[in-house]
Amino acid sequence: MNKNIKIMLSLYIIFGSVLLSGCGILTSNELIANRYADALLTKNNEIQFRFRINNEILEGHQLYKVKVTIHDDRLAAAIGRREIVYGEEQVLNGEYIDVKGKKEKYIFMDPIPLQKDLHIQELQNMIEQNNAVSIEVFNNKKVFGRAFLTNFSSEL
């Protein structure tokens, strides 16, 4: 009897480990190609979020939206909001983004004018070091992936 309990316990541990490691797969940077994700400060003092979504990972899920969340209070005040959802206002009057087509989709969100001036170095530190901005890919049923935006560039 003890042998059966040990076997069952071992199976539960293995199964739990697989589940826990598998849960992190879609929330990793494989879905949101982090090296292609950045915040750009334009010469007009606007901030634009740009990133690449790997549609191959979203196979079987035809439609999705992308939410950018601003976690830093000063950056949120400068932008004038905490969340921007791409696929609601920006794309086809509330329609979701379609997975069909290319295996990778580049998304360039509309530039947002900064309501308060921030020094370029401050913006760079917020984004690259302080996890100020996160990106989430989701639909009405579930979240497919989440990652912090860690790259910053400037036209100034």
Protein backbone atom coordinates (compact mmCIF):
# COMPACT_ATOMS: atom_id res chain seq x y z
CA MET A 1 0.00 0.00 0.00
CA ASN A 2 2.84 2.41 0.85
CA LYS A 3 4.40 1.71 -2.52
CA ASN A 4 1.18 2.75 -4.31
CA ILE A 5 1.02 5.97 -2.30
CA LYS A 6 4.62 6.80 -3.20
CA ILE A 7 3.94 6.15 -6.88
CA MET A 8 0.79 8.29 -6.82
CA LEU A 9 2.62 11.07 -4.97
CA SER A 10 5.44 10.95 -7.52
CA LEU A 11 2.94 11.15 -10.38
CA TYR A 12 1.23 14.15 -8.77
CA ILE A 13 4.56 15.92 -8.35
CA ILE A 14 5.56 15.25 -11.96
CA PHE A 15 2.12 16.30 -13.25
CA GLY A 16 2.21 19.46 -11.12
CA SER A 17 5.69 20.34 -12.37
CA VAL A 18 4.60 19.94 -15.98
CA LEU A 19 1.56 22.15 -15.38
CA LEU A 20 3.56 24.85 -13.64
CA SER A 21 6.27 24.94 -16.28
CA GLY A 22 3.70 24.80 -19.07
CA CYS A 23 1.78 27.76 -17.67
CA GLY A 24 4.79 29.97 -18.15
CA ILE A 25 5.24 29.11 -21.81
CA LEU A 26 2.62 31.47 -23.20
CA THR A 27 3.41 34.23 -20.75
CA SER A 28 7.04 34.20 -21.79
CA ASN A 29 8.61 36.44 -24.37
CA GLU A 30 8.03 33.84 -27.11
CA LEU A 31 4.60 35.29 -27.88
CA ILE A 32 5.66 38.92 -27.63
CA ALA A 33 9.07 39.11 -29.27
CA ASN A 34 10.77 41.30 -26.67
CA ARG A 35 13.75 42.28 -28.79
CA TYR A 36 11.25 43.79 -31.25
CA ALA A 37 9.18 45.53 -28.56
CA ASP A 38 9.97 49.10 -27.67
CA ALA A 39 8.67 52.49 -26.67
CA LEU A 40 9.68 55.23 -29.09
CA LEU A 41 9.80 58.88 -28.08
CA THR A 42 9.08 60.81 -31.28
CA LYS A 43 10.48 64.21 -32.19
CA ASN A 44 6.97 65.62 -31.51
CA ASN A 45 7.19 64.55 -27.82
CA GLU A 46 4.85 61.61 -28.36
CA ILE A 47 5.33 58.05 -27.19
CA GLN A 48 4.62 55.14 -29.48
CA PHE A 49 4.53 51.49 -28.43
CA ARG A 50 5.74 49.03 -31.06
CA PHE A 51 6.01 45.26 -30.82
CA ARG A 52 5.83 42.00 -32.73
CA ILE A 53 3.35 39.23 -31.97
CA ASN A 54 4.26 35.66 -32.94
CA ASN A 55 1.00 34.40 -34.48
CA GLU A 56 2.25 30.80 -34.67
CA ILE A 57 1.89 30.53 -30.90
CA LEU A 58 -1.71 31.75 -31.20
CA GLU A 59 -2.66 28.94 -33.60
CA GLY A 60 -6.26 27.92 -33.12
CA HIS A 61 -7.16 31.29 -31.61
CA GLN A 62 -8.31 33.47 -34.49
CA LEU A 63 -8.87 36.81 -32.78
CA TYR A 64 -7.07 38.73 -30.07
CA LYS A 65 -6.46 42.19 -28.60
CA VAL A 66 -3.31 43.73 -27.16
CA LYS A 67 -3.35 45.76 -23.96
CA VAL A 68 -0.52 48.06 -22.93
CA THR A 69 -0.56 48.81 -19.20
CA ILE A 70 1.42 51.67 -17.67
CA HIS A 71 2.63 50.69 -14.17
CA ASP A 72 4.70 53.77 -13.38
CA ASP A 73 2.62 56.62 -11.87
CA ARG A 74 4.68 59.43 -13.44
CA LEU A 75 4.57 57.85 -16.88
CA ALA A 76 0.81 57.23 -16.58
CA ALA A 77 0.31 60.89 -15.62
CA ALA A 78 2.43 62.02 -18.59
CA ILE A 79 0.47 59.80 -21.00
CA GLY A 80 -2.89 60.60 -19.40
CA ARG A 81 -4.06 57.01 -18.92
CA ARG A 82 -3.03 53.65 -17.48
CA GLU A 83 -4.24 51.32 -20.24
CA ILE A 84 -4.32 51.40 -24.02
CA VAL A 85 -6.06 48.54 -25.84
CA TYR A 86 -5.11 47.90 -29.44
CA GLY A 87 -7.91 46.09 -31.21
CA GLU A 88 -10.70 48.17 -29.69
CA GLU A 89 -10.53 51.81 -30.77
CA GLN A 90 -7.66 51.55 -33.20
CA VAL A 91 -8.73 48.55 -35.28
CA LEU A 92 -11.99 48.22 -37.19
CA ASN A 93 -14.37 49.80 -34.66
CA GLY A 94 -13.92 47.33 -31.82
CA GLU A 95 -13.04 44.23 -33.82
CA TYR A 96 -10.28 41.95 -32.65
CA ILE A 97 -6.97 41.55 -34.50
CA ASP A 98 -7.01 38.48 -36.76
CA VAL A 99 -4.30 35.81 -36.46
CA LYS A 100 -4.60 34.79 -40.12
CA GLY A 101 -1.92 35.87 -42.53
CA LYS A 102 1.71 36.35 -41.62
CA LYS A 103 3.28 34.26 -38.90
CA GLU A 104 4.46 37.46 -37.22
CA LYS A 105 2.47 40.66 -36.89
CA TYR A 106 4.12 44.00 -36.21
CA ILE A 107 1.93 46.38 -34.26
CA PHE A 108 2.65 50.10 -34.24
CA MET A 109 0.22 51.80 -31.89
CA ASP A 110 -0.75 55.39 -32.63
CA PRO A 111 1.67 57.86 -31.03
CA ILE A 112 0.32 59.40 -27.82
CA PRO A 113 1.26 63.02 -27.03
CA LEU A 114 2.89 63.37 -23.62
CA GLN A 115 0.88 65.75 -21.43
CA LYS A 116 3.87 66.28 -19.13
CA ASP A 117 7.50 66.50 -20.13
CA LEU A 118 9.81 63.75 -18.95
CA HIS A 119 13.55 63.76 -19.54
CA ILE A 120 14.68 61.19 -22.10
CA GLN A 121 16.95 59.49 -19.55
CA GLU A 122 14.04 59.25 -17.06
CA LEU A 123 11.83 57.62 -19.70
CA GLN A 124 14.58 55.20 -20.65
CA ASN A 125 15.16 54.17 -17.03
CA MET A 126 11.43 53.75 -16.36
CA ILE A 127 10.97 51.48 -19.35
CA GLU A 128 14.24 49.54 -19.43
CA GLN A 129 14.85 49.06 -15.70
CA ASN A 130 11.67 49.68 -13.73
CA ASN A 131 9.06 47.53 -15.52
CA ALA A 132 6.96 50.62 -16.26
CA VAL A 133 5.09 49.15 -19.25
CA SER A 134 3.63 45.69 -19.84
CA ILE A 135 2.01 44.15 -22.90
CA GLU A 136 -0.78 41.57 -22.69
CA VAL A 137 -2.29 39.54 -25.56
CA PHE A 138 -5.82 38.31 -24.85
CA ASN A 139 -9.31 37.63 -26.14
CA ASN A 140 -12.65 37.48 -24.34
CA LYS A 141 -11.84 34.00 -22.96
CA LYS A 142 -8.22 34.09 -21.79
CA VAL A 143 -4.84 35.79 -21.64
CA PHE A 144 -2.35 34.26 -24.10
CA GLY A 145 0.77 36.06 -22.97
CA ARG A 146 2.21 38.89 -20.94
CA ALA A 147 5.61 40.58 -21.02
CA PHE A 148 7.25 43.79 -19.85
CA LEU A 149 8.40 46.18 -22.53
CA THR A 150 12.10 46.71 -21.85
CA ASN A 151 13.43 48.59 -24.88
CA PHE A 152 13.42 52.33 -25.43
CA SER A 153 14.42 54.47 -28.39
CA SER A 154 14.15 58.14 -29.22
CA GLU A 155 14.07 60.28 -32.34
CA LEU A 156 15.47 63.23 -30.35
